[in-house]
Amino acid sequence: MSVSWEWDETLYAGSAAHYPVGRVGYPPELATAIRDALGLDGTGRLLDVGCGPGSLTLLLAPLFAATVGVDADPGMLAVAARRDPGATVHWRRLRAEELPAGLGRFRVVTFAQSFHWMDQPLVATRVRPMVDQAWVHVLAQTHRGDDGTDPLPRPRPPWDAIDDLVRAYLGPVRRAGQGVLPDGTKGGEEEVMRATGFQGPTRITAVPARVVTRTADEIVSAVLSMSISAPHLFGDRLAAFTTDLRKTVGEGPFAERLLEIDLVIWTP
């Protein structure tokens, strides 16, 4: 990650409503894999960090006696609460760096497509005393499929043209909140976890690669769900961009092969 970039609360501003439409949902098989890997029996508490609109949180909540989802984006939490009419989850607006925030201890702590945005050494240090059994990274790509050229039941979405359109509006350097990420987000999480005292990891492919069908509306929302093309970045040109995006996407339906979903499990 560029040393000049700092997180700010506009990172996903305007994206929350597009998540449930544009991001392919986690399948039930993911919950089954986590349950079986950790021997979950409906007891204990779950903490989902960087929970977004609750996609993973709500899937896993039935496996625990109580669940807390934390995220820094108020729009994401508002969408999560609407998707949770039974109030099965306690939603808290927090940055991960603010933990433990008096939340107590948890049987399992999950991070799904979120840890790369954080101050990883600080978050790992603060979360480790909160974990009783396992810290689970859920590694998935839910906004778009692979870049393969093998035949699928329907055409793939025109991602190359979509990427070109985003660059035409926002420039060639990746945008992120009020800053830029010319080198992308940081890696090296395994070194961070070991240095913090976690043991492991155990790696599991929870869901194999699969082919899904997607509509044009879903592809448009997928683009607007990403930090690199979040709605706020377009300012007063958002309507024009959305119009051009719909023309670029075309009619659909489309097919995509989603990459496998992997679990990386650490113990404290």
Protein backbone atom coordinates (compact mmCIF):
# COMPACT_ATOMS: atom_id res chain seq x y z
CA MET A 1 0.00 0.00 0.00
CA SER A 2 1.25 3.49 -0.79
CA VAL A 3 2.71 5.16 2.28
CA SER A 4 0.95 8.37 1.26
CA TRP A 5 -2.54 6.83 1.48
CA GLU A 6 -4.59 7.12 4.65
CA TRP A 7 -8.00 5.60 5.28
CA ASP A 8 -10.92 8.00 5.35
CA GLU A 9 -14.63 7.46 5.81
CA THR A 10 -15.46 8.15 2.15
CA LEU A 11 -13.72 4.95 0.98
CA TYR A 12 -17.03 3.27 0.09
CA ALA A 13 -19.31 6.29 0.25
CA GLY A 14 -22.46 5.65 -1.77
CA SER A 15 -21.61 1.98 -2.41
CA ALA A 16 -23.63 0.28 0.30
CA ALA A 17 -26.92 0.06 -1.60
CA HIS A 18 -25.10 -1.58 -4.52
CA TYR A 19 -23.55 -4.38 -2.47
CA PRO A 20 -26.57 -6.68 -2.13
CA VAL A 21 -27.21 -6.35 -5.88
CA GLY A 22 -23.71 -6.25 -7.33
CA ARG A 23 -21.84 -8.66 -5.08
CA VAL A 24 -22.58 -12.36 -5.51
CA GLY A 25 -23.80 -13.67 -2.16
CA TYR A 26 -21.83 -16.15 -0.12
CA PRO A 27 -23.38 -19.61 -0.60
CA PRO A 28 -24.62 -21.79 2.28
CA GLU A 29 -21.69 -24.12 1.66
CA LEU A 30 -19.40 -21.48 3.14
CA ALA A 31 -21.23 -21.55 6.46
CA THR A 32 -21.14 -25.35 6.44
CA ALA A 33 -17.39 -25.37 5.84
CA ILE A 34 -16.75 -22.94 8.70
CA ARG A 35 -19.07 -24.89 11.01
CA ASP A 36 -17.35 -28.17 10.26
CA ALA A 37 -13.80 -26.78 10.41
CA LEU A 38 -14.35 -25.22 13.83
CA GLY A 39 -16.86 -27.67 15.31
CA LEU A 40 -19.44 -24.96 15.86
CA ASP A 41 -22.51 -25.99 17.84
CA GLY A 42 -24.59 -22.85 18.26
CA THR A 43 -22.70 -21.61 21.30
CA GLY A 44 -20.27 -18.76 21.74
CA ARG A 45 -20.09 -15.35 20.09
CA LEU A 46 -19.05 -14.23 16.60
CA LEU A 47 -17.37 -10.93 15.73
CA ASP A 48 -17.33 -10.00 12.03
CA VAL A 49 -14.85 -7.16 11.45
CA GLY A 50 -15.37 -4.95 8.42
CA CYS A 51 -18.79 -6.52 8.06
CA GLY A 52 -20.05 -4.20 5.33
CA PRO A 53 -23.76 -4.79 4.66
CA GLY A 54 -23.69 -8.03 6.66
CA SER A 55 -23.27 -10.53 3.83
CA LEU A 56 -21.09 -12.90 5.86
CA THR A 57 -22.39 -11.84 9.26
CA LEU A 58 -25.97 -12.84 8.57
CA LEU A 59 -24.92 -16.11 6.96
CA LEU A 60 -22.90 -17.17 10.01
CA ALA A 61 -25.07 -15.74 12.80
CA PRO A 62 -27.24 -18.90 13.15
CA LEU A 63 -24.08 -20.84 14.09
CA PHE A 64 -23.56 -18.80 17.27
CA ALA A 65 -25.46 -17.73 20.37
CA ALA A 66 -24.71 -14.04 19.67
CA THR A 67 -23.14 -12.05 16.85
CA VAL A 68 -21.60 -8.59 16.53
CA GLY A 69 -20.82 -6.91 13.20
CA VAL A 70 -18.58 -3.85 13.12
CA ASP A 71 -17.86 -1.52 10.22
CA ALA A 72 -16.69 2.06 9.83
CA ASP A 73 -19.18 2.98 7.09
CA PRO A 74 -22.61 4.12 8.34
CA GLY A 75 -24.22 3.39 4.99
CA MET A 76 -23.05 -0.22 5.11
CA LEU A 77 -24.44 -0.66 8.61
CA ALA A 78 -27.78 0.88 7.61
CA VAL A 79 -28.10 -1.66 4.80
CA ALA A 80 -27.03 -4.46 7.15
CA ALA A 81 -29.72 -3.49 9.67
CA ARG A 82 -32.40 -3.48 6.95
CA ARG A 83 -31.33 -6.97 5.93
CA ASP A 84 -31.66 -8.10 9.56
CA PRO A 85 -35.33 -7.41 10.41
CA GLY A 86 -35.21 -9.83 13.31
CA ALA A 87 -32.30 -7.91 14.89
CA THR A 88 -30.28 -11.10 15.16
CA VAL A 89 -26.98 -9.16 15.03
CA HIS A 90 -25.68 -6.28 17.14
CA TRP A 91 -24.32 -3.76 14.61
CA ARG A 92 -21.65 -1.29 15.74
CA ARG A 93 -20.02 1.55 13.85
CA LEU A 94 -16.32 1.15 14.60
CA ARG A 95 -13.03 1.08 12.81
CA ALA A 96 -11.15 -2.15 13.47
CA GLU A 97 -8.33 -0.06 14.88
CA GLU A 98 -10.70 1.02 17.70
CA LEU A 99 -11.19 -2.50 19.00
CA PRO A 100 -11.66 -4.01 21.56
CA ALA A 101 -14.08 -1.15 22.34
CA GLY A 102 -15.48 -3.01 25.33
CA LEU A 103 -16.99 -5.75 23.20
CA GLY A 104 -15.52 -8.61 25.21
CA ARG A 105 -14.33 -11.98 23.97
CA PHE A 106 -15.51 -14.06 21.02
CA ARG A 107 -15.31 -17.70 20.05
CA VAL A 108 -14.59 -16.73 16.44
CA VAL A 109 -13.55 -13.49 14.73
CA THR A 110 -13.96 -13.22 10.95
CA PHE A 111 -12.52 -10.88 8.34
CA ALA A 112 -13.96 -11.16 4.83
CA GLN A 113 -12.31 -9.05 2.13
CA SER A 114 -11.52 -6.40 4.73
CA PHE A 115 -8.15 -6.87 6.49
CA HIS A 116 -6.18 -5.35 3.61
CA TRP A 117 -7.77 -1.94 4.33
CA MET A 118 -6.59 -1.88 7.94
CA ASP A 119 -3.52 -1.11 9.99
CA GLN A 120 -2.80 -4.80 10.13
CA PRO A 121 -0.25 -4.99 12.97
CA LEU A 122 -2.39 -2.75 15.18
CA VAL A 123 -5.62 -4.63 14.46
CA ALA A 124 -4.02 -8.05 14.96
CA THR A 125 -2.54 -6.92 18.27
CA ARG A 126 -5.84 -5.52 19.52
CA VAL A 127 -8.01 -8.40 18.34
CA ARG A 128 -5.85 -11.32 19.50
CA PRO A 129 -6.89 -11.05 23.19
CA MET A 130 -10.52 -11.07 22.04
CA VAL A 131 -10.28 -14.46 20.28
CA ASP A 132 -11.03 -17.67 22.16
CA GLN A 133 -10.92 -20.23 19.32
CA ALA A 134 -10.15 -18.90 15.85
CA TRP A 135 -9.53 -15.89 13.61
CA VAL A 136 -10.83 -16.67 10.11
CA HIS A 137 -9.92 -14.84 6.92
CA VAL A 138 -12.52 -15.46 4.21
CA LEU A 139 -10.79 -14.99 0.87
CA ALA A 140 -13.23 -14.42 -1.97
CA GLN A 141 -13.86 -12.27 -5.02
CA THR A 142 -17.56 -11.56 -5.22
CA HIS A 143 -17.78 -8.54 -7.54
CA ARG A 144 -16.46 -10.17 -10.73
CA GLY A 145 -15.33 -13.49 -12.10
CA ASP A 146 -12.07 -14.70 -13.55
CA ASP A 147 -10.50 -13.35 -16.73
CA GLY A 148 -10.61 -16.66 -18.57
CA THR A 149 -11.50 -17.12 -22.22
CA ASP A 150 -12.93 -20.64 -22.04
CA PRO A 151 -16.54 -21.02 -23.20
CA LEU A 152 -19.33 -20.33 -20.70
CA PRO A 153 -23.10 -20.74 -21.12
CA ARG A 154 -23.43 -16.99 -21.82
CA PRO A 155 -21.03 -14.19 -22.73
CA ARG A 156 -18.79 -12.78 -20.01
CA PRO A 157 -19.38 -9.18 -18.95
CA PRO A 158 -17.19 -6.69 -20.89
CA TRP A 159 -14.85 -6.02 -17.97
CA ASP A 160 -11.99 -4.65 -20.09
CA ALA A 161 -14.29 -2.01 -21.57
CA ILE A 162 -15.72 -1.26 -18.13
CA ASP A 163 -12.24 -0.76 -16.69
CA ASP A 164 -11.39 1.56 -19.58
CA LEU A 165 -14.52 3.61 -18.89
CA VAL A 166 -13.67 4.00 -15.20
CA ARG A 167 -10.17 5.19 -16.13
CA ALA A 168 -11.61 7.63 -18.67
CA TYR A 169 -13.66 9.25 -15.92
CA LEU A 170 -11.30 8.97 -12.95
CA GLY A 171 -7.82 8.78 -14.46
CA PRO A 172 -5.26 5.99 -14.68
CA VAL A 173 -4.27 5.87 -10.99
CA ARG A 174 -6.45 3.81 -8.67
CA ARG A 175 -8.64 6.00 -6.46
CA ALA A 176 -9.44 5.18 -2.84
CA GLY A 177 -11.46 7.56 -0.70
CA GLN A 178 -9.84 10.99 -0.88
CA GLY A 179 -6.49 9.51 -1.92
CA VAL A 180 -4.95 7.17 -4.45
CA LEU A 181 -3.44 3.68 -4.32
CA PRO A 182 -1.01 3.43 -7.24
CA ASP A 183 0.42 0.17 -5.89
CA GLY A 184 -2.79 -1.35 -4.57
CA THR A 185 -3.49 -2.50 -1.02
CA LYS A 186 -0.87 -4.07 1.18
CA GLY A 187 -0.20 -7.79 1.52
CA GLY A 188 1.98 -9.69 3.98
CA GLU A 189 -0.81 -10.63 6.37
CA GLU A 190 0.78 -13.97 7.27
CA GLU A 191 3.90 -12.27 8.58
CA VAL A 192 1.71 -9.90 10.61
CA MET A 193 -0.29 -12.75 12.12
CA ARG A 194 2.79 -14.76 13.12
CA ALA A 195 4.52 -11.70 14.55
CA THR A 196 1.44 -11.04 16.67
CA GLY A 197 1.52 -14.55 18.11
CA PHE A 198 -1.13 -16.36 16.12
CA GLN A 199 -0.54 -20.01 15.22
CA GLY A 200 -1.18 -21.60 11.83
CA PRO A 201 -2.65 -21.16 9.41
CA THR A 202 -4.95 -23.97 8.36
CA ARG A 203 -6.13 -23.48 4.78
CA ILE A 204 -9.41 -24.82 3.43
CA THR A 205 -11.14 -24.40 0.10
CA ALA A 206 -14.66 -23.89 1.37
CA VAL A 207 -16.43 -23.34 -1.96
CA PRO A 208 -14.97 -24.47 -5.30
CA ALA A 209 -14.95 -22.25 -8.36
CA ARG A 210 -18.42 -22.03 -9.85
CA VAL A 211 -20.25 -20.47 -12.80
CA VAL A 212 -23.00 -17.94 -12.07
CA THR A 213 -25.45 -16.03 -14.25
CA ARG A 214 -25.59 -12.25 -13.80
CA THR A 215 -27.85 -9.51 -15.13
CA ALA A 216 -26.79 -6.16 -16.55
CA ASP A 217 -28.12 -4.43 -13.42
CA GLU A 218 -25.97 -6.66 -11.26
CA ILE A 219 -22.85 -5.78 -13.24
CA VAL A 220 -23.61 -2.05 -13.00
CA SER A 221 -24.03 -2.36 -9.23
CA ALA A 222 -20.87 -4.44 -8.99
CA VAL A 223 -18.90 -1.56 -10.50
CA LEU A 224 -20.48 0.97 -8.15
CA SER A 225 -19.82 -1.30 -5.16
CA MET A 226 -16.05 -1.05 -5.55
CA SER A 227 -13.81 1.45 -3.79
CA ILE A 228 -12.06 2.14 -7.10
CA SER A 229 -15.34 3.34 -8.64
CA ALA A 230 -17.46 4.28 -5.63
CA PRO A 231 -20.27 6.72 -6.49
CA HIS A 232 -18.79 9.66 -4.58
CA LEU A 233 -15.69 9.66 -6.81
CA PHE A 234 -17.71 10.84 -9.81
CA GLY A 235 -19.21 13.89 -8.13
CA ASP A 236 -21.67 15.67 -10.40
CA ARG A 237 -20.72 13.31 -13.25
CA LEU A 238 -22.22 10.25 -11.58
CA ALA A 239 -25.39 10.29 -13.71
CA ALA A 240 -23.34 10.60 -16.91
CA PHE A 241 -21.01 7.80 -15.81
CA THR A 242 -23.93 5.53 -14.94
CA THR A 243 -25.49 6.16 -18.35
CA ASP A 244 -22.21 5.38 -20.12
CA LEU A 245 -21.70 2.34 -17.88
CA ARG A 246 -25.07 0.89 -18.83
CA LYS A 247 -24.29 1.39 -22.52
CA THR A 248 -20.91 -0.31 -22.04
CA VAL A 249 -22.34 -3.25 -20.11
CA GLY A 250 -25.09 -3.94 -22.64
CA GLU A 251 -28.13 -6.12 -22.22
CA GLY A 252 -26.98 -9.36 -20.65
CA PRO A 253 -27.53 -11.85 -19.17
CA PHE A 254 -23.91 -12.82 -18.60
CA ALA A 255 -22.02 -15.76 -17.17
CA GLU A 256 -18.95 -15.61 -14.95
CA ARG A 257 -16.75 -18.17 -13.27
CA LEU A 258 -16.17 -17.08 -9.69
CA LEU A 259 -12.94 -18.10 -8.06
CA GLU A 260 -12.98 -20.52 -5.16
CA ILE A 261 -13.65 -19.21 -1.64
CA ASP A 262 -10.83 -20.08 0.73
CA LEU A 263 -10.58 -19.99 4.51
CA VAL A 264 -7.35 -19.13 6.29
CA ILE A 265 -7.76 -20.08 9.94
CA TRP A 266 -5.46 -18.86 12.74
CA THR A 267 -5.54 -19.74 16.42
CA PRO A 268 -4.45 -17.40 19.23
